[in-house]
Every structure is written in C-alpha cells, then in structure tokens.
PDB file of all heavy atoms in Angstrom:
ATOM      1  N   ALA A   1     -17.815 -22.735 143.399  1.00  0.00           N
ATOM      2  CA  ALA A   1     -18.800 -22.164 142.473  1.00  0.00           C
ATOM      3  C   ALA A   1     -18.931 -20.664 142.685  1.00  0.00           C
ATOM      4  O   ALA A   1     -19.031 -19.892 141.727  1.00  0.00           O
ATOM      5  CB  ALA A   1     -20.144 -22.852 142.643  1.00  0.00           C
ATOM      6  N   LEU A   2     -18.920 -20.253 143.959  1.00  0.00           N
ATOM      7  CA  LEU A   2     -19.015 -18.817 144.264  1.00  0.00           C
ATOM      8  C   LEU A   2     -17.790 -18.052 143.753  1.00  0.00           C
ATOM      9  O   LEU A   2     -17.919 -16.944 143.227  1.00  0.00           O
ATOM     10  CB  LEU A   2     -19.184 -18.600 145.769  1.00  0.00           C
ATOM     11  CG  LEU A   2     -20.546 -18.957 146.346  1.00  0.00           C
ATOM     12  CD1 LEU A   2     -20.528 -18.838 147.870  1.00  0.00           C
ATOM     13  CD2 LEU A   2     -21.628 -18.071 145.744  1.00  0.00           C
ATOM     14  N   ARG A   3     -16.625 -18.650 143.889  1.00  0.00           N
ATOM     15  CA  ARG A   3     -15.410 -17.997 143.366  1.00  0.00           C
ATOM     16  C   ARG A   3     -15.479 -17.868 141.850  1.00  0.00           C
ATOM     17  O   ARG A   3     -15.109 -16.846 141.286  1.00  0.00           O
ATOM     18  CB  ARG A   3     -14.160 -18.773 143.760  1.00  0.00           C
ATOM     19  CG  ARG A   3     -13.723 -18.511 145.153  1.00  0.00           C
ATOM     20  CD  ARG A   3     -12.363 -19.089 145.398  1.00  0.00           C
ATOM     21  NE  ARG A   3     -11.958 -18.807 146.755  1.00  0.00           N
ATOM     22  CZ  ARG A   3     -10.818 -19.185 147.274  1.00  0.00           C
ATOM     23  NH1 ARG A   3      -9.960 -19.869 146.538  1.00  0.00           N
ATOM     24  NH2 ARG A   3     -10.519 -18.885 148.514  1.00  0.00           N
ATOM     25  N   ALA A   4     -15.924 -18.911 141.187  1.00  0.00           N
ATOM     26  CA  ALA A   4     -16.045 -18.862 139.726  1.00  0.00           C
ATOM     27  C   ALA A   4     -17.052 -17.804 139.314  1.00  0.00           C
ATOM     28  O   ALA A   4     -16.833 -17.049 138.358  1.00  0.00           O
ATOM     29  CB  ALA A   4     -16.444 -20.236 139.191  1.00  0.00           C
ATOM     30  N   GLU A   5     -18.149 -17.736 140.064  1.00  0.00           N
ATOM     31  CA  GLU A   5     -19.170 -16.729 139.773  1.00  0.00           C
ATOM     32  C   GLU A   5     -18.632 -15.318 140.002  1.00  0.00           C
ATOM     33  O   GLU A   5     -18.900 -14.399 139.232  1.00  0.00           O
ATOM     34  CB  GLU A   5     -20.390 -16.987 140.663  1.00  0.00           C
ATOM     35  CG  GLU A   5     -21.632 -16.254 140.209  1.00  0.00           C
ATOM     36  CD  GLU A   5     -22.837 -16.635 141.048  1.00  0.00           C
ATOM     37  OE1 GLU A   5     -23.033 -17.833 141.331  1.00  0.00           O
ATOM     38  OE2 GLU A   5     -23.583 -15.709 141.413  1.00  0.00           O
ATOM     39  N   LEU A   6     -17.839 -15.161 141.075  1.00  0.00           N
ATOM     40  CA  LEU A   6     -17.228 -13.863 141.367  1.00  0.00           C
ATOM     41  C   LEU A   6     -16.252 -13.461 140.251  1.00  0.00           C
ATOM     42  O   LEU A   6     -16.244 -12.306 139.807  1.00  0.00           O
ATOM     43  CB  LEU A   6     -16.505 -13.905 142.710  1.00  0.00           C
ATOM     44  CG  LEU A   6     -15.784 -12.619 143.123  1.00  0.00           C
ATOM     45  CD1 LEU A   6     -16.779 -11.477 143.282  1.00  0.00           C
ATOM     46  CD2 LEU A   6     -14.995 -12.827 144.403  1.00  0.00           C
ATOM     47  N   ASP A   7     -15.440 -14.395 139.798  1.00  0.00           N
ATOM     48  CA  ASP A   7     -14.510 -14.109 138.698  1.00  0.00           C
ATOM     49  C   ASP A   7     -15.261 -13.698 137.434  1.00  0.00           C
ATOM     50  O   ASP A   7     -14.875 -12.760 136.749  1.00  0.00           O
ATOM     51  CB  ASP A   7     -13.628 -15.328 138.408  1.00  0.00           C
ATOM     52  CG  ASP A   7     -12.626 -15.599 139.519  1.00  0.00           C
ATOM     53  OD1 ASP A   7     -12.388 -14.677 140.336  1.00  0.00           O
ATOM     54  OD2 ASP A   7     -12.082 -16.725 139.561  1.00  0.00           O
ATOM     55  N   LYS A   8     -16.346 -14.421 137.156  1.00  0.00           N
ATOM     56  CA  LYS A   8     -17.152 -14.099 135.976  1.00  0.00           C
ATOM     57  C   LYS A   8     -17.774 -12.702 136.114  1.00  0.00           C
ATOM     58  O   LYS A   8     -17.776 -11.918 135.172  1.00  0.00           O
ATOM     59  CB  LYS A   8     -18.239 -15.152 135.795  1.00  0.00           C
ATOM     60  CG  LYS A   8     -19.030 -14.997 134.536  1.00  0.00           C
ATOM     61  CD  LYS A   8     -20.044 -16.123 134.385  1.00  0.00           C
ATOM     62  CE  LYS A   8     -20.842 -15.943 133.118  1.00  0.00           C
ATOM     63  NZ  LYS A   8     -21.858 -16.981 132.961  1.00  0.00           N
ATOM     64  N   ALA A   9     -18.260 -12.377 137.309  1.00  0.00           N
ATOM     65  CA  ALA A   9     -18.853 -11.054 137.551  1.00  0.00           C
ATOM     66  C   ALA A   9     -17.795  -9.955 137.425  1.00  0.00           C
ATOM     67  O   ALA A   9     -18.070  -8.876 136.890  1.00  0.00           O
ATOM     68  CB  ALA A   9     -19.503 -11.020 138.929  1.00  0.00           C
ATOM     69  N   ASN A  10     -16.589 -10.235 137.915  1.00  0.00           N
ATOM     70  CA  ASN A  10     -15.502  -9.251 137.786  1.00  0.00           C
ATOM     71  C   ASN A  10     -15.145  -9.013 136.325  1.00  0.00           C
ATOM     72  O   ASN A  10     -14.883  -7.880 135.920  1.00  0.00           O
ATOM     73  CB  ASN A  10     -14.277  -9.698 138.579  1.00  0.00           C
ATOM     74  CG  ASN A  10     -14.440  -9.476 140.065  1.00  0.00           C
ATOM     75  OD1 ASN A  10     -15.241  -8.642 140.492  1.00  0.00           O
ATOM     76  ND2 ASN A  10     -13.697 -10.224 140.871  1.00  0.00           N
ATOM     77  N   GLU A  11     -15.113 -10.089 135.533  1.00  0.00           N
ATOM     78  CA  GLU A  11     -14.840  -9.933 134.097  1.00  0.00           C
ATOM     79  C   GLU A  11     -15.937  -9.111 133.427  1.00  0.00           C
ATOM     80  O   GLU A  11     -15.659  -8.221 132.621  1.00  0.00           O
ATOM     81  CB  GLU A  11     -14.732 -11.302 133.423  1.00  0.00           C
ATOM     82  CG  GLU A  11     -13.465 -12.051 133.719  1.00  0.00           C
ATOM     83  CD  GLU A  11     -13.442 -13.426 133.058  1.00  0.00           C
ATOM     84  OE1 GLU A  11     -14.157 -13.631 132.056  1.00  0.00           O
ATOM     85  OE2 GLU A  11     -12.706 -14.291 133.563  1.00  0.00           O
ATOM     86  N   GLU A  12     -17.181  -9.411 133.754  1.00  0.00           N
ATOM     87  CA  GLU A  12     -18.306  -8.672 133.184  1.00  0.00           C
ATOM     88  C   GLU A  12     -18.244  -7.205 133.596  1.00  0.00           C
ATOM     89  O   GLU A  12     -18.477  -6.302 132.788  1.00  0.00           O
ATOM     90  CB  GLU A  12     -19.625  -9.298 133.660  1.00  0.00           C
ATOM     91  CG  GLU A  12     -20.865  -8.662 133.094  1.00  0.00           C
ATOM     92  CD  GLU A  12     -21.063  -8.942 131.615  1.00  0.00           C
ATOM     93  OE1 GLU A  12     -20.489  -9.912 131.091  1.00  0.00           O
ATOM     94  OE2 GLU A  12     -21.792  -8.166 130.967  1.00  0.00           O
ATOM     95  N   PHE A  13     -17.910  -6.961 134.866  1.00  0.00           N
ATOM     96  CA  PHE A  13     -17.764  -5.588 135.351  1.00  0.00           C
ATOM     97  C   PHE A  13     -16.679  -4.853 134.568  1.00  0.00           C
ATOM     98  O   PHE A  13     -16.868  -3.698 134.168  1.00  0.00           O
ATOM     99  CB  PHE A  13     -17.432  -5.586 136.847  1.00  0.00           C
ATOM    100  CG  PHE A  13     -17.105  -4.215 137.376  1.00  0.00           C
ATOM    101  CD1 PHE A  13     -18.112  -3.283 137.587  1.00  0.00           C
ATOM    102  CD2 PHE A  13     -15.793  -3.853 137.639  1.00  0.00           C
ATOM    103  CE1 PHE A  13     -17.807  -2.009 138.059  1.00  0.00           C
ATOM    104  CE2 PHE A  13     -15.481  -2.587 138.106  1.00  0.00           C
ATOM    105  CZ  PHE A  13     -16.490  -1.667 138.319  1.00  0.00           C
ATOM    106  N   ALA A  14     -15.548  -5.490 134.342  1.00  0.00           N
ATOM    107  CA  ALA A  14     -14.450  -4.861 133.601  1.00  0.00           C
ATOM    108  C   ALA A  14     -14.889  -4.517 132.180  1.00  0.00           C
ATOM    109  O   ALA A  14     -14.570  -3.441 131.664  1.00  0.00           O
ATOM    110  CB  ALA A  14     -13.229  -5.781 133.578  1.00  0.00           C
ATOM    111  N   LYS A  15     -15.634  -5.438 131.549  1.00  0.00           N
ATOM    112  CA  LYS A  15     -16.116  -5.170 130.186  1.00  0.00           C
ATOM    113  C   LYS A  15     -17.085  -3.992 130.171  1.00  0.00           C
ATOM    114  O   LYS A  15     -17.012  -3.122 129.304  1.00  0.00           O
ATOM    115  CB  LYS A  15     -16.794  -6.412 129.604  1.00  0.00           C
ATOM    116  CG  LYS A  15     -15.840  -7.510 129.223  1.00  0.00           C
ATOM    117  CD  LYS A  15     -16.598  -8.720 128.681  1.00  0.00           C
ATOM    118  CE  LYS A  15     -15.663  -9.877 128.402  1.00  0.00           C
ATOM    119  NZ  LYS A  15     -16.389 -11.076 127.963  1.00  0.00           N
ATOM    120  N   LEU A  16     -18.015  -3.991 131.134  1.00  0.00           N
ATOM    121  CA  LEU A  16     -18.995  -2.902 131.193  1.00  0.00           C
ATOM    122  C   LEU A  16     -18.338  -1.564 131.518  1.00  0.00           C
ATOM    123  O   LEU A  16     -18.715  -0.526 130.970  1.00  0.00           O
ATOM    124  CB  LEU A  16     -20.084  -3.226 132.221  1.00  0.00           C
ATOM    125  CG  LEU A  16     -21.040  -4.351 131.833  1.00  0.00           C
ATOM    126  CD1 LEU A  16     -21.967  -4.680 132.997  1.00  0.00           C
ATOM    127  CD2 LEU A  16     -21.830  -3.997 130.593  1.00  0.00           C
ATOM    128  N   LYS A  17     -17.337  -1.597 132.396  1.00  0.00           N
ATOM    129  CA  LYS A  17     -16.619  -0.364 132.732  1.00  0.00           C
ATOM    130  C   LYS A  17     -15.895   0.177 131.506  1.00  0.00           C
ATOM    131  O   LYS A  17     -15.930   1.379 131.235  1.00  0.00           O
ATOM    132  CB  LYS A  17     -15.620  -0.634 133.859  1.00  0.00           C
ATOM    133  CG  LYS A  17     -14.868   0.595 134.306  1.00  0.00           C
ATOM    134  CD  LYS A  17     -13.909   0.279 135.441  1.00  0.00           C
ATOM    135  CE  LYS A  17     -13.127   1.518 135.833  1.00  0.00           C
ATOM    136  NZ  LYS A  17     -12.143   1.229 136.883  1.00  0.00           N
ATOM    137  N   ASP A  18     -15.260  -0.718 130.758  1.00  0.00           N
ATOM    138  CA  ASP A  18     -14.568  -0.306 129.530  1.00  0.00           C
ATOM    139  C   ASP A  18     -15.559   0.287 128.527  1.00  0.00           C
ATOM    140  O   ASP A  18     -15.299   1.338 127.937  1.00  0.00           O
ATOM    141  CB  ASP A  18     -13.833  -1.503 128.913  1.00  0.00           C
ATOM    142  CG  ASP A  18     -13.056  -1.115 127.681  1.00  0.00           C
ATOM    143  OD1 ASP A  18     -12.174  -0.228 127.778  1.00  0.00           O
ATOM    144  OD2 ASP A  18     -13.339  -1.692 126.601  1.00  0.00           O
ATOM    145  N   ALA A  19     -16.710  -0.376 128.343  1.00  0.00           N
ATOM    146  CA  ALA A  19     -17.727   0.137 127.423  1.00  0.00           C
ATOM    147  C   ALA A  19     -18.240   1.504 127.879  1.00  0.00           C
ATOM    148  O   ALA A  19     -18.439   2.412 127.066  1.00  0.00           O
ATOM    149  CB  ALA A  19     -18.875  -0.861 127.316  1.00  0.00           C
ATOM    150  N   TYR A  20     -18.435   1.655 129.198  1.00  0.00           N
ATOM    151  CA  TYR A  20     -18.889   2.936 129.727  1.00  0.00           C
ATOM    152  C   TYR A  20     -17.861   4.035 129.467  1.00  0.00           C
ATOM    153  O   TYR A  20     -18.212   5.137 129.026  1.00  0.00           O
ATOM    154  CB  TYR A  20     -19.155   2.817 131.235  1.00  0.00           C
ATOM    155  CG  TYR A  20     -19.278   4.157 131.915  1.00  0.00           C
ATOM    156  CD1 TYR A  20     -20.436   4.927 131.782  1.00  0.00           C
ATOM    157  CD2 TYR A  20     -18.230   4.679 132.665  1.00  0.00           C
ATOM    158  CE1 TYR A  20     -20.539   6.165 132.387  1.00  0.00           C
ATOM    159  CE2 TYR A  20     -18.323   5.913 133.270  1.00  0.00           C
ATOM    160  CZ  TYR A  20     -19.480   6.653 133.132  1.00  0.00           C
ATOM    161  OH  TYR A  20     -19.564   7.883 133.715  1.00  0.00           O
ATOM    162  N   LEU A  21     -16.599   3.739 129.741  1.00  0.00           N
ATOM    163  CA  LEU A  21     -15.558   4.748 129.542  1.00  0.00           C
ATOM    164  C   LEU A  21     -15.447   5.144 128.072  1.00  0.00           C
ATOM    165  O   LEU A  21     -15.279   6.322 127.749  1.00  0.00           O
ATOM    166  CB  LEU A  21     -14.214   4.233 130.065  1.00  0.00           C
ATOM    167  CG  LEU A  21     -14.115   4.083 131.591  1.00  0.00           C
ATOM    168  CD1 LEU A  21     -12.793   3.432 131.975  1.00  0.00           C
ATOM    169  CD2 LEU A  21     -14.284   5.421 132.289  1.00  0.00           C
ATOM    170  N   ARG A  22     -15.564   4.174 127.191  1.00  0.00           N
ATOM    171  CA  ARG A  22     -15.515   4.479 125.749  1.00  0.00           C
ATOM    172  C   ARG A  22     -16.719   5.327 125.321  1.00  0.00           C
ATOM    173  O   ARG A  22     -16.580   6.292 124.579  1.00  0.00           O
ATOM    174  CB  ARG A  22     -15.450   3.202 124.931  1.00  0.00           C
ATOM    175  CG  ARG A  22     -14.120   2.484 125.032  1.00  0.00           C
ATOM    176  CD  ARG A  22     -14.143   1.171 124.246  1.00  0.00           C
ATOM    177  NE  ARG A  22     -12.956   0.392 124.471  1.00  0.00           N
ATOM    178  CZ  ARG A  22     -11.820   0.541 123.818  1.00  0.00           C
ATOM    179  NH1 ARG A  22     -11.728   1.459 122.879  1.00  0.00           N
ATOM    180  NH2 ARG A  22     -10.781  -0.214 124.081  1.00  0.00           N
ATOM    181  N   ALA A  23     -17.902   4.948 125.779  1.00  0.00           N
ATOM    182  CA  ALA A  23     -19.106   5.706 125.433  1.00  0.00           C
ATOM    183  C   ALA A  23     -19.025   7.132 125.986  1.00  0.00           C
ATOM    184  O   ALA A  23     -19.412   8.092 125.314  1.00  0.00           O
ATOM    185  CB  ALA A  23     -20.352   5.000 125.964  1.00  0.00           C
ATOM    186  N   ASN A  24     -18.521   7.262 127.198  1.00  0.00           N
ATOM    187  CA  ASN A  24     -18.378   8.585 127.805  1.00  0.00           C
ATOM    188  C   ASN A  24     -17.379   9.437 127.018  1.00  0.00           C
ATOM    189  O   ASN A  24     -17.612  10.624 126.781  1.00  0.00           O
ATOM    190  CB  ASN A  24     -17.948   8.451 129.261  1.00  0.00           C
ATOM    191  CG  ASN A  24     -18.092   9.744 130.022  1.00  0.00           C
ATOM    192  OD1 ASN A  24     -19.026  10.492 129.799  1.00  0.00           O
ATOM    193  ND2 ASN A  24     -17.159  10.006 130.913  1.00  0.00           N
ATOM    194  N   ALA A  25     -16.267   8.841 126.595  1.00  0.00           N
ATOM    195  CA  ALA A  25     -15.275   9.580 125.802  1.00  0.00           C
ATOM    196  C   ALA A  25     -15.869   9.991 124.459  1.00  0.00           C
ATOM    197  O   ALA A  25     -15.656  11.121 124.000  1.00  0.00           O
ATOM    198  CB  ALA A  25     -14.024   8.723 125.601  1.00  0.00           C
ATOM    199  N   ASP A  26     -16.626   9.089 123.831  1.00  0.00           N
ATOM    200  CA  ASP A  26     -17.282   9.431 122.559  1.00  0.00           C
ATOM    201  C   ASP A  26     -18.252  10.588 122.741  1.00  0.00           C
ATOM    202  O   ASP A  26     -18.327  11.495 121.913  1.00  0.00           O
ATOM    203  CB  ASP A  26     -18.018   8.222 121.982  1.00  0.00           C
ATOM    204  CG  ASP A  26     -17.090   7.177 121.407  1.00  0.00           C
ATOM    205  OD1 ASP A  26     -15.902   7.501 121.167  1.00  0.00           O
ATOM    206  OD2 ASP A  26     -17.551   6.037 121.190  1.00  0.00           O
ATOM    207  N   PHE A  27     -19.001  10.554 123.837  1.00  0.00           N
ATOM    208  CA  PHE A  27     -19.956  11.624 124.110  1.00  0.00           C
ATOM    209  C   PHE A  27     -19.246  12.953 124.342  1.00  0.00           C
ATOM    210  O   PHE A  27     -19.685  13.995 123.837  1.00  0.00           O
ATOM    211  CB  PHE A  27     -20.825  11.269 125.320  1.00  0.00           C
ATOM    212  CG  PHE A  27     -21.842  12.317 125.654  1.00  0.00           C
ATOM    213  CD1 PHE A  27     -22.905  12.563 124.797  1.00  0.00           C
ATOM    214  CD2 PHE A  27     -21.736  13.070 126.813  1.00  0.00           C
ATOM    215  CE1 PHE A  27     -23.840  13.542 125.093  1.00  0.00           C
ATOM    216  CE2 PHE A  27     -22.656  14.042 127.116  1.00  0.00           C
ATOM    217  CZ  PHE A  27     -23.716  14.281 126.254  1.00  0.00           C
ATOM    218  N   GLU A  28     -18.145  12.944 125.081  1.00  0.00           N
ATOM    219  CA  GLU A  28     -17.370  14.166 125.314  1.00  0.00           C
ATOM    220  C   GLU A  28     -16.828  14.718 123.998  1.00  0.00           C
ATOM    221  O   GLU A  28     -16.860  15.931 123.765  1.00  0.00           O
ATOM    222  CB  GLU A  28     -16.232  13.918 126.304  1.00  0.00           C
ATOM    223  CG  GLU A  28     -16.691  13.697 127.731  1.00  0.00           C
ATOM    224  CD  GLU A  28     -17.441  14.885 128.309  1.00  0.00           C
ATOM    225  OE1 GLU A  28     -17.030  16.038 128.078  1.00  0.00           O
ATOM    226  OE2 GLU A  28     -18.455  14.661 128.997  1.00  0.00           O
ATOM    227  N   ASN A  29     -16.316  13.836 123.137  1.00  0.00           N
ATOM    228  CA  ASN A  29     -15.830  14.276 121.824  1.00  0.00           C
ATOM    229  C   ASN A  29     -16.966  14.863 120.996  1.00  0.00           C
ATOM    230  O   ASN A  29     -16.784  15.866 120.309  1.00  0.00           O
ATOM    231  CB  ASN A  29     -15.174  13.117 121.075  1.00  0.00           C
ATOM    232  CG  ASN A  29     -13.860  12.721 121.685  1.00  0.00           C
ATOM    233  OD1 ASN A  29     -13.220  13.497 122.387  1.00  0.00           O
ATOM    234  ND2 ASN A  29     -13.448  11.493 121.435  1.00  0.00           N
ATOM    235  N   TYR A  30     -18.136  14.250 121.059  1.00  0.00           N
ATOM    236  CA  TYR A  30     -19.302  14.757 120.347  1.00  0.00           C
ATOM    237  C   TYR A  30     -19.676  16.148 120.848  1.00  0.00           C
ATOM    238  O   TYR A  30     -19.962  17.047 120.050  1.00  0.00           O
ATOM    239  CB  TYR A  30     -20.478  13.787 120.512  1.00  0.00           C
ATOM    240  CG  TYR A  30     -21.775  14.308 119.977  1.00  0.00           C
ATOM    241  CD1 TYR A  30     -22.011  14.362 118.607  1.00  0.00           C
ATOM    242  CD2 TYR A  30     -22.768  14.769 120.836  1.00  0.00           C
ATOM    243  CE1 TYR A  30     -23.205  14.856 118.110  1.00  0.00           C
ATOM    244  CE2 TYR A  30     -23.955  15.260 120.354  1.00  0.00           C
ATOM    245  CZ  TYR A  30     -24.173  15.304 118.991  1.00  0.00           C
ATOM    246  OH  TYR A  30     -25.352  15.808 118.505  1.00  0.00           O
ATOM    247  N   LYS A  31     -19.672  16.341 122.169  1.00  0.00           N
ATOM    248  CA  LYS A  31     -19.998  17.653 122.731  1.00  0.00           C
ATOM    249  C   LYS A  31     -19.001  18.711 122.269  1.00  0.00           C
ATOM    250  O   LYS A  31     -19.394  19.826 121.909  1.00  0.00           O
ATOM    251  CB  LYS A  31     -20.016  17.595 124.261  1.00  0.00           C
ATOM    252  CG  LYS A  31     -21.261  16.992 124.834  1.00  0.00           C
ATOM    253  CD  LYS A  31     -21.372  16.935 126.340  1.00  0.00           C
ATOM    254  CE  LYS A  31     -20.411  17.639 127.182  1.00  0.00           C
ATOM    255  NZ  LYS A  31     -20.602  17.488 128.626  1.00  0.00           N
ATOM    256  N   LYS A  32     -17.713  18.359 122.265  1.00  0.00           N
ATOM    257  CA  LYS A  32     -16.688  19.311 121.821  1.00  0.00           C
ATOM    258  C   LYS A  32     -16.880  19.662 120.354  1.00  0.00           C
ATOM    259  O   LYS A  32     -16.770  20.825 119.960  1.00  0.00           O
ATOM    260  CB  LYS A  32     -15.292  18.735 122.042  1.00  0.00           C
ATOM    261  CG  LYS A  32     -14.887  18.663 123.492  1.00  0.00           C
ATOM    262  CD  LYS A  32     -13.544  17.994 123.653  1.00  0.00           C
ATOM    263  CE  LYS A  32     -13.201  17.766 125.111  1.00  0.00           C
ATOM    264  NZ  LYS A  32     -11.956  17.007 125.271  1.00  0.00           N
ATOM    265  N   ARG A  33     -17.152  18.646 119.520  1.00  0.00           N
ATOM    266  CA  ARG A  33     -17.358  18.886 118.092  1.00  0.00           C
ATOM    267  C   ARG A  33     -18.592  19.754 117.861  1.00  0.00           C
ATOM    268  O   ARG A  33     -18.593  20.664 117.037  1.00  0.00           O
ATOM    269  CB  ARG A  33     -17.484  17.538 117.370  1.00  0.00           C
ATOM    270  CG  ARG A  33     -17.444  17.614 115.881  1.00  0.00           C
ATOM    271  CD  ARG A  33     -17.328  16.242 115.193  1.00  0.00           C
ATOM    272  NE  ARG A  33     -18.241  15.243 115.718  1.00  0.00           N
ATOM    273  CZ  ARG A  33     -17.887  14.185 116.414  1.00  0.00           C
ATOM    274  NH1 ARG A  33     -16.622  13.987 116.717  1.00  0.00           N
ATOM    275  NH2 ARG A  33     -18.776  13.322 116.833  1.00  0.00           N
ATOM    276  N   LEU A  34     -19.663  19.486 118.619  1.00  0.00           N
ATOM    277  CA  LEU A  34     -20.888  20.268 118.504  1.00  0.00           C
ATOM    278  C   LEU A  34     -20.638  21.722 118.912  1.00  0.00           C
ATOM    279  O   LEU A  34     -21.118  22.648 118.245  1.00  0.00           O
ATOM    280  CB  LEU A  34     -21.971  19.640 119.383  1.00  0.00           C
ATOM    281  CG  LEU A  34     -23.399  20.080 119.151  1.00  0.00           C
ATOM    282  CD1 LEU A  34     -23.824  19.761 117.719  1.00  0.00           C
ATOM    283  CD2 LEU A  34     -24.325  19.381 120.127  1.00  0.00           C
ATOM    284  N   GLU A  35     -19.888  21.929 119.983  1.00  0.00           N
ATOM    285  CA  GLU A  35     -19.571  23.292 120.433  1.00  0.00           C
ATOM    286  C   GLU A  35     -18.734  24.029 119.388  1.00  0.00           C
ATOM    287  O   GLU A  35     -18.964  25.205 119.117  1.00  0.00           O
ATOM    288  CB  GLU A  35     -18.839  23.237 121.775  1.00  0.00           C
ATOM    289  CG  GLU A  35     -18.547  24.593 122.367  1.00  0.00           C
ATOM    290  CD  GLU A  35     -19.786  25.390 122.717  1.00  0.00           C
ATOM    291  OE1 GLU A  35     -20.837  24.810 123.011  1.00  0.00           O
ATOM    292  OE2 GLU A  35     -19.693  26.638 122.696  1.00  0.00           O
ATOM    293  N   LYS A  36     -17.769  23.317 118.804  1.00  0.00           N
ATOM    294  CA  LYS A  36     -16.937  23.928 117.771  1.00  0.00           C
ATOM    295  C   LYS A  36     -17.780  24.305 116.556  1.00  0.00           C
ATOM    296  O   LYS A  36     -17.625  25.395 115.996  1.00  0.00           O
ATOM    297  CB  LYS A  36     -15.832  22.946 117.362  1.00  0.00           C
ATOM    298  CG  LYS A  36     -14.858  23.491 116.369  1.00  0.00           C
ATOM    299  CD  LYS A  36     -13.785  22.465 116.039  1.00  0.00           C
ATOM    300  CE  LYS A  36     -12.859  22.976 114.963  1.00  0.00           C
ATOM    301  NZ  LYS A  36     -11.888  21.963 114.551  1.00  0.00           N
ATOM    302  N   ASP A  37     -18.696  23.413 116.144  1.00  0.00           N
ATOM    303  CA  ASP A  37     -19.578  23.715 115.016  1.00  0.00           C
ATOM    304  C   ASP A  37     -20.488  24.897 115.326  1.00  0.00           C
ATOM    305  O   ASP A  37     -20.752  25.737 114.462  1.00  0.00           O
ATOM    306  CB  ASP A  37     -20.422  22.492 114.652  1.00  0.00           C
ATOM    307  CG  ASP A  37     -19.613  21.372 114.044  1.00  0.00           C
ATOM    308  OD1 ASP A  37     -18.441  21.605 113.662  1.00  0.00           O
ATOM    309  OD2 ASP A  37     -20.149  20.239 113.953  1.00  0.00           O
ATOM    310  N   LYS A  38     -20.949  24.972 116.557  1.00  0.00           N
ATOM    311  CA  LYS A  38     -21.812  26.084 116.971  1.00  0.00           C
ATOM    312  C   LYS A  38     -21.051  27.409 116.910  1.00  0.00           C
ATOM    313  O   LYS A  38     -21.558  28.405 116.390  1.00  0.00           O
ATOM    314  CB  LYS A  38     -22.321  25.831 118.389  1.00  0.00           C
ATOM    315  CG  LYS A  38     -23.209  26.916 118.935  1.00  0.00           C
ATOM    316  CD  LYS A  38     -23.611  26.584 120.359  1.00  0.00           C
ATOM    317  CE  LYS A  38     -24.239  27.764 121.049  1.00  0.00           C
ATOM    318  NZ  LYS A  38     -24.502  27.493 122.465  1.00  0.00           N
ATOM    319  N   GLN A  39     -19.822  27.405 117.425  1.00  0.00           N
ATOM    320  CA  GLN A  39     -19.012  28.620 117.382  1.00  0.00           C
ATOM    321  C   GLN A  39     -18.722  29.030 115.943  1.00  0.00           C
ATOM    322  O   GLN A  39     -18.752  30.216 115.612  1.00  0.00           O
ATOM    323  CB  GLN A  39     -17.711  28.413 118.148  1.00  0.00           C
ATOM    324  CG  GLN A  39     -17.887  28.356 119.636  1.00  0.00           C
ATOM    325  CD  GLN A  39     -16.583  28.027 120.362  1.00  0.00           C
ATOM    326  OE1 GLN A  39     -15.590  27.693 119.748  1.00  0.00           O
ATOM    327  NE2 GLN A  39     -16.616  28.107 121.682  1.00  0.00           N
ATOM    328  N   SER A  40     -18.445  28.063 115.098  1.00  0.00           N
ATOM    329  CA  SER A  40     -18.181  28.354 113.691  1.00  0.00           C
ATOM    330  C   SER A  40     -19.421  28.934 113.020  1.00  0.00           C
ATOM    331  O   SER A  40     -19.327  29.880 112.240  1.00  0.00           O
ATOM    332  CB  SER A  40     -17.738  27.078 112.969  1.00  0.00           C
ATOM    333  OG  SER A  40     -17.504  27.331 111.619  1.00  0.00           O
ATOM    334  N   ALA A  41     -20.590  28.366 113.321  1.00  0.00           N
ATOM    335  CA  ALA A  41     -21.836  28.867 112.733  1.00  0.00           C
ATOM    336  C   ALA A  41     -22.099  30.308 113.160  1.00  0.00           C
ATOM    337  O   ALA A  41     -22.502  31.143 112.341  1.00  0.00           O
ATOM    338  CB  ALA A  41     -23.004  27.968 113.134  1.00  0.00           C
ATOM    339  N   VAL A  42     -21.859  30.597 114.427  1.00  0.00           N
ATOM    340  CA  VAL A  42     -22.066  31.969 114.920  1.00  0.00           C
ATOM    341  C   VAL A  42     -21.049  32.912 114.286  1.00  0.00           C
ATOM    342  O   VAL A  42     -21.380  34.012 113.853  1.00  0.00           O
ATOM    343  CB  VAL A  42     -21.965  32.012 116.464  1.00  0.00           C
ATOM    344  CG1 VAL A  42     -21.883  33.443 116.970  1.00  0.00           C
ATOM    345  CG2 VAL A  42     -23.140  31.289 117.081  1.00  0.00           C
ATOM    346  N   LEU A  43     -19.805  32.450 114.199  1.00  0.00           N
ATOM    347  CA  LEU A  43     -18.731  33.282 113.675  1.00  0.00           C
ATOM    348  C   LEU A  43     -18.955  33.639 112.207  1.00  0.00           C
ATOM    349  O   LEU A  43     -18.687  34.753 111.780  1.00  0.00           O
ATOM    350  CB  LEU A  43     -17.399  32.544 113.837  1.00  0.00           C
ATOM    351  CG  LEU A  43     -16.123  33.320 113.623  1.00  0.00           C
ATOM    352  CD1 LEU A  43     -16.025  34.486 114.596  1.00  0.00           C
ATOM    353  CD2 LEU A  43     -14.928  32.408 113.811  1.00  0.00           C
TER     354      LEU A  43
END
C-alpha cells in the first residue's frame, strides 16, 4: 500500500511540476511581452 501511495504521489508531483514549469514559462513570456510593449510605448 505504501509503494502504491508513493507511486501515486510521484505521479502527482510530476503533474504539479509540469504545471509549475508551464505557468512559469507563461509568466516569463508575459513579462517579456509587457517589457516590449513598454519600450514601444516609450519609443
């Protein structure tokens, strides 16, 4: 039962890590786009 629970936790961890990495990449892209828009507005 503990092994099954560990496997399930590892799967959940992998899913959460993937979601975190995707959200972080989206946020970085958003920051870059915002900076580009800011530079364009100033220019």
